[in-house]
Amino acid sequence: MADHRKFVVLGLGTFGAAVARQLSKNRCRVTGVDQDEQRVNELKETLYEAIIADVTDPDALSQVGLADAEGVIIALGEDITLSLLAALHTKELGGKRIVVKGVTVEHGKLLKHLGVERVVFPEVEMARQLADSITWPNMLDLLQIDRDYSVMEIAVPDSCVGETIRSVDLRKRFGAWVVGVKDVLTGKLEMFPDPEYRFGQDQLLLVIGKDAALKSLREMS
């Protein structure tokens, strides 16, 4: 496991534990830290290392190897003060790619001032995905890749069946690019298809574009 990517998760509540488990499934070397002995014991067999410690104590954090980790995830529930302290000490101890579970917008702004790379609001993101899936049932998945751009998987609209990528011209109409086409029946995925590729039924499109463009494309479906 020595060559596996290393991550540290501070806080092993519902969100932190879920992140730690998924990173482990992704074959990453995960060190989980929490002062709750029961939480730590529940993950001992899953994680590379599970440590009982106060994540707001700089002396305790100095023993975790934050500077050696590729990224640090801080998930401390609703306590803003503890979250800020953990982020501050993590930064001071050389932690990189710090991702923190945010509580409020103001909390997020303070974290950004501390140099945190990313603040996530799981409930907000989940609500957005749920609302989108209900509003546009043909949209199967949406992945935001930066502040403005996302990748979307969507069923081929009926109006596009039999048409080519060139004739549909999503780039000109919506400012979106088709980067892949997947056949639902066979599971075959064709990445970066030719402009003369002709859409068929039972296909999914993998499209990249600005969020506003993808919203217009969803409405088309």
Protein backbone atom coordinates (compact mmCIF):
# COMPACT_ATOMS: atom_id res chain seq x y z
CA MET A 1 0.00 0.00 0.00
CA ALA A 2 3.04 2.28 0.23
CA ASP A 3 2.47 3.68 -3.25
CA HIS A 4 -1.22 4.39 -2.75
CA ARG A 5 -2.45 7.96 -2.57
CA LYS A 6 -2.75 9.20 0.99
CA PHE A 7 -5.61 11.23 2.44
CA VAL A 8 -6.51 12.32 5.96
CA VAL A 9 -10.11 12.70 7.11
CA LEU A 10 -10.65 14.78 10.26
CA GLY A 11 -14.03 13.99 11.79
CA LEU A 12 -15.71 10.62 11.31
CA GLY A 13 -19.37 11.50 11.64
CA THR A 14 -21.84 10.53 8.92
CA PHE A 15 -20.26 12.65 6.16
CA GLY A 16 -16.63 12.14 7.16
CA ALA A 17 -17.06 8.38 7.53
CA ALA A 18 -18.76 8.15 4.13
CA VAL A 19 -15.90 10.06 2.48
CA ALA A 20 -13.30 7.93 4.24
CA ARG A 21 -14.98 4.69 3.18
CA GLN A 22 -15.28 5.79 -0.44
CA LEU A 23 -11.64 6.90 -0.58
CA SER A 24 -10.68 3.47 0.77
CA LYS A 25 -12.82 1.80 -1.90
CA ASN A 26 -10.91 3.91 -4.42
CA ARG A 27 -7.73 2.21 -3.14
CA CYS A 28 -6.46 5.28 -1.31
CA ARG A 29 -4.55 5.08 1.96
CA VAL A 30 -6.84 6.84 4.40
CA THR A 31 -6.09 8.01 7.93
CA GLY A 32 -9.26 8.84 9.84
CA VAL A 33 -9.17 10.93 13.01
CA ASP A 34 -11.90 11.54 15.58
CA GLN A 35 -12.03 11.95 19.34
CA ASP A 36 -15.03 9.61 19.54
CA GLU A 37 -13.68 6.12 20.28
CA GLN A 38 -16.76 4.35 18.93
CA ARG A 39 -16.54 6.12 15.57
CA VAL A 40 -12.87 5.25 15.27
CA ASN A 41 -13.43 1.61 16.20
CA GLU A 42 -16.17 1.26 13.58
CA LEU A 43 -13.68 2.18 10.85
CA LYS A 44 -10.55 0.43 12.10
CA GLU A 45 -11.01 -2.53 9.76
CA THR A 46 -11.82 -0.31 6.77
CA LEU A 47 -9.20 2.42 6.86
CA TYR A 48 -5.43 2.24 6.62
CA GLU A 49 -5.26 3.96 9.99
CA ALA A 50 -7.89 5.16 12.47
CA ILE A 51 -6.77 7.43 15.30
CA ILE A 52 -8.49 8.69 18.43
CA ALA A 53 -7.47 12.33 18.82
CA ASP A 54 -8.78 15.86 19.22
CA VAL A 55 -8.69 17.29 15.69
CA THR A 56 -8.46 20.84 17.06
CA ASP A 57 -5.29 20.08 19.05
CA PRO A 58 -2.22 21.08 17.01
CA ASP A 59 0.03 18.72 19.00
CA ALA A 60 -2.24 15.78 18.20
CA LEU A 61 -2.55 16.79 14.55
CA SER A 62 1.23 17.03 14.21
CA GLN A 63 1.37 13.25 14.69
CA VAL A 64 -1.09 12.47 11.89
CA GLY A 65 1.17 13.24 8.93
CA LEU A 66 -0.89 16.02 7.37
CA ALA A 67 2.02 17.36 5.32
CA ASP A 68 2.55 13.94 3.72
CA ALA A 69 -1.07 13.59 2.60
CA GLU A 70 -2.27 14.46 -0.88
CA GLY A 71 -5.40 15.99 0.60
CA VAL A 72 -7.15 16.63 3.91
CA ILE A 73 -10.93 16.49 4.38
CA ILE A 74 -12.36 18.23 7.45
CA ALA A 75 -15.88 17.16 8.41
CA LEU A 76 -16.81 18.37 11.88
CA GLY A 77 -20.57 18.61 11.80
CA GLU A 78 -22.25 21.89 12.70
CA ASP A 79 -19.58 23.32 15.01
CA ILE A 80 -18.12 26.25 13.09
CA THR A 81 -15.48 27.10 15.69
CA LEU A 82 -14.05 23.57 15.75
CA SER A 83 -14.04 23.48 11.96
CA LEU A 84 -12.14 26.77 11.72
CA LEU A 85 -9.59 25.67 14.32
CA ALA A 86 -9.00 22.36 12.56
CA ALA A 87 -8.57 24.15 9.22
CA LEU A 88 -6.18 26.70 10.71
CA HIS A 89 -3.97 24.06 12.34
CA THR A 90 -4.07 21.85 9.26
CA LYS A 91 -2.84 24.75 7.13
CA GLU A 92 -0.11 25.62 9.63
CA LEU A 93 1.06 22.00 9.72
CA GLY A 94 1.50 21.86 5.94
CA GLY A 95 -1.75 20.25 4.88
CA LYS A 96 -2.49 20.44 1.14
CA ARG A 97 -5.72 20.38 -0.87
CA ILE A 98 -7.81 21.08 2.21
CA VAL A 99 -11.52 20.41 1.71
CA VAL A 100 -13.94 21.39 4.47
CA LYS A 101 -17.62 20.61 5.01
CA GLY A 102 -19.25 24.03 5.26
CA VAL A 103 -22.06 25.01 7.59
CA THR A 104 -23.04 28.51 6.43
CA VAL A 105 -22.02 30.91 3.68
CA GLU A 106 -20.17 33.04 6.23
CA HIS A 107 -18.35 29.95 7.47
CA GLY A 108 -17.31 29.22 3.91
CA LYS A 109 -15.92 32.73 3.45
CA LEU A 110 -13.85 32.46 6.62
CA LEU A 111 -12.48 29.11 5.49
CA LYS A 112 -11.48 30.59 2.14
CA HIS A 113 -9.61 33.38 3.96
CA LEU A 114 -7.69 30.69 5.82
CA GLY A 115 -6.52 29.24 2.52
CA VAL A 116 -8.87 26.26 2.27
CA GLU A 117 -8.99 24.99 -1.31
CA ARG A 118 -12.63 23.94 -1.35
CA VAL A 119 -15.72 24.24 0.83
CA VAL A 120 -18.52 21.75 0.23
CA PHE A 121 -22.14 21.90 1.33
CA PRO A 122 -23.36 18.28 0.95
CA GLU A 123 -26.99 19.02 1.75
CA VAL A 124 -27.13 21.86 -0.79
CA GLU A 125 -25.43 19.80 -3.50
CA MET A 126 -27.70 16.82 -2.84
CA ALA A 127 -30.76 19.06 -2.94
CA ARG A 128 -29.63 20.52 -6.26
CA GLN A 129 -29.12 17.07 -7.78
CA LEU A 130 -32.49 15.88 -6.51
CA ALA A 131 -34.29 18.96 -7.83
CA ASP A 132 -32.57 18.61 -11.22
CA SER A 133 -33.42 14.91 -11.49
CA ILE A 134 -37.08 15.62 -10.71
CA THR A 135 -37.28 18.60 -13.06
CA TRP A 136 -35.44 16.93 -15.96
CA PRO A 137 -36.00 13.15 -15.67
CA ASN A 138 -33.99 12.51 -18.87
CA MET A 139 -30.89 13.91 -17.17
CA LEU A 140 -29.15 10.94 -15.57
CA ASP A 141 -26.11 12.55 -13.96
CA LEU A 142 -24.41 15.90 -13.51
CA LEU A 143 -20.84 16.49 -12.37
CA GLN A 144 -19.60 20.02 -11.69
CA ILE A 145 -15.94 20.30 -12.68
CA ASP A 146 -15.39 23.93 -11.74
CA ARG A 147 -17.37 27.03 -10.83
CA ASP A 148 -18.83 27.48 -14.33
CA TYR A 149 -18.49 24.16 -16.19
CA SER A 150 -20.11 20.78 -15.66
CA VAL A 151 -20.27 17.40 -17.38
CA MET A 152 -23.78 16.03 -17.92
CA GLU A 153 -25.08 12.62 -18.95
CA ILE A 154 -28.41 12.86 -20.73
CA ALA A 155 -30.60 10.62 -22.86
CA VAL A 156 -30.51 11.46 -26.58
CA PRO A 157 -33.50 13.77 -27.21
CA ASP A 158 -36.07 12.32 -29.62
CA SER A 159 -35.48 15.24 -31.98
CA CYS A 160 -31.82 14.25 -32.34
CA VAL A 161 -32.32 10.56 -33.18
CA GLY A 162 -31.03 9.93 -36.70
CA GLU A 163 -29.13 13.23 -36.79
CA THR A 164 -25.35 13.63 -36.78
CA ILE A 165 -23.30 15.52 -34.21
CA ARG A 166 -22.47 18.05 -36.93
CA SER A 167 -26.09 18.61 -37.96
CA VAL A 168 -27.36 18.93 -34.39
CA ASP A 169 -24.47 21.33 -33.62
CA LEU A 170 -24.91 21.58 -29.86
CA ARG A 171 -21.82 23.77 -29.69
CA LYS A 172 -23.43 26.50 -31.79
CA ARG A 173 -26.94 26.12 -30.36
CA PHE A 174 -26.09 25.70 -26.68
CA GLY A 175 -22.36 26.20 -26.23
CA ALA A 176 -22.00 22.53 -25.26
CA TRP A 177 -19.75 19.77 -26.60
CA VAL A 178 -20.50 16.06 -27.01
CA VAL A 179 -17.49 14.22 -25.61
CA GLY A 180 -18.96 10.73 -25.50
CA VAL A 181 -21.89 8.54 -26.60
CA LYS A 182 -22.92 5.42 -24.69
CA ASP A 183 -25.14 2.62 -25.97
CA VAL A 184 -27.50 1.67 -23.14
CA LEU A 185 -28.10 -1.86 -24.45
CA THR A 186 -24.47 -2.90 -24.99
CA GLY A 187 -22.77 -0.59 -22.50
CA LYS A 188 -20.28 0.47 -25.18
CA LEU A 189 -18.89 3.97 -24.73
CA GLU A 190 -17.42 5.89 -27.65
CA MET A 191 -15.33 8.84 -26.51
CA PHE A 192 -14.82 11.92 -28.70
CA PRO A 193 -17.01 10.64 -31.57
CA ASP A 194 -16.57 11.89 -35.13
CA PRO A 195 -18.72 14.89 -36.19
CA GLU A 196 -20.52 12.57 -38.63
CA TYR A 197 -21.52 10.18 -35.85
CA ARG A 198 -25.27 9.56 -36.08
CA PHE A 199 -27.34 9.44 -32.89
CA GLY A 200 -29.60 6.45 -32.30
CA GLN A 201 -32.24 5.43 -29.82
CA ASP A 202 -31.25 3.97 -26.44
CA GLN A 203 -28.16 6.15 -26.28
CA LEU A 204 -26.76 8.51 -23.67
CA LEU A 205 -24.77 11.64 -24.40
CA LEU A 206 -21.85 12.81 -22.30
CA VAL A 207 -21.82 16.58 -22.71
CA ILE A 208 -19.59 19.31 -21.29
CA GLY A 209 -20.44 23.00 -21.12
CA LYS A 210 -21.26 25.96 -18.93
CA ASP A 211 -24.05 25.39 -16.44
CA ALA A 212 -26.36 27.83 -18.23
CA ALA A 213 -25.82 26.01 -21.54
CA LEU A 214 -26.53 22.63 -19.99
CA LYS A 215 -29.68 23.99 -18.42
CA SER A 216 -30.93 24.99 -21.88
CA LEU A 217 -30.00 21.57 -23.22
CA ARG A 218 -31.90 19.85 -20.42
CA GLU A 219 -34.99 21.85 -21.31
CA MET A 220 -34.66 20.63 -24.89
CA SER A 221 -34.98 17.04 -23.69
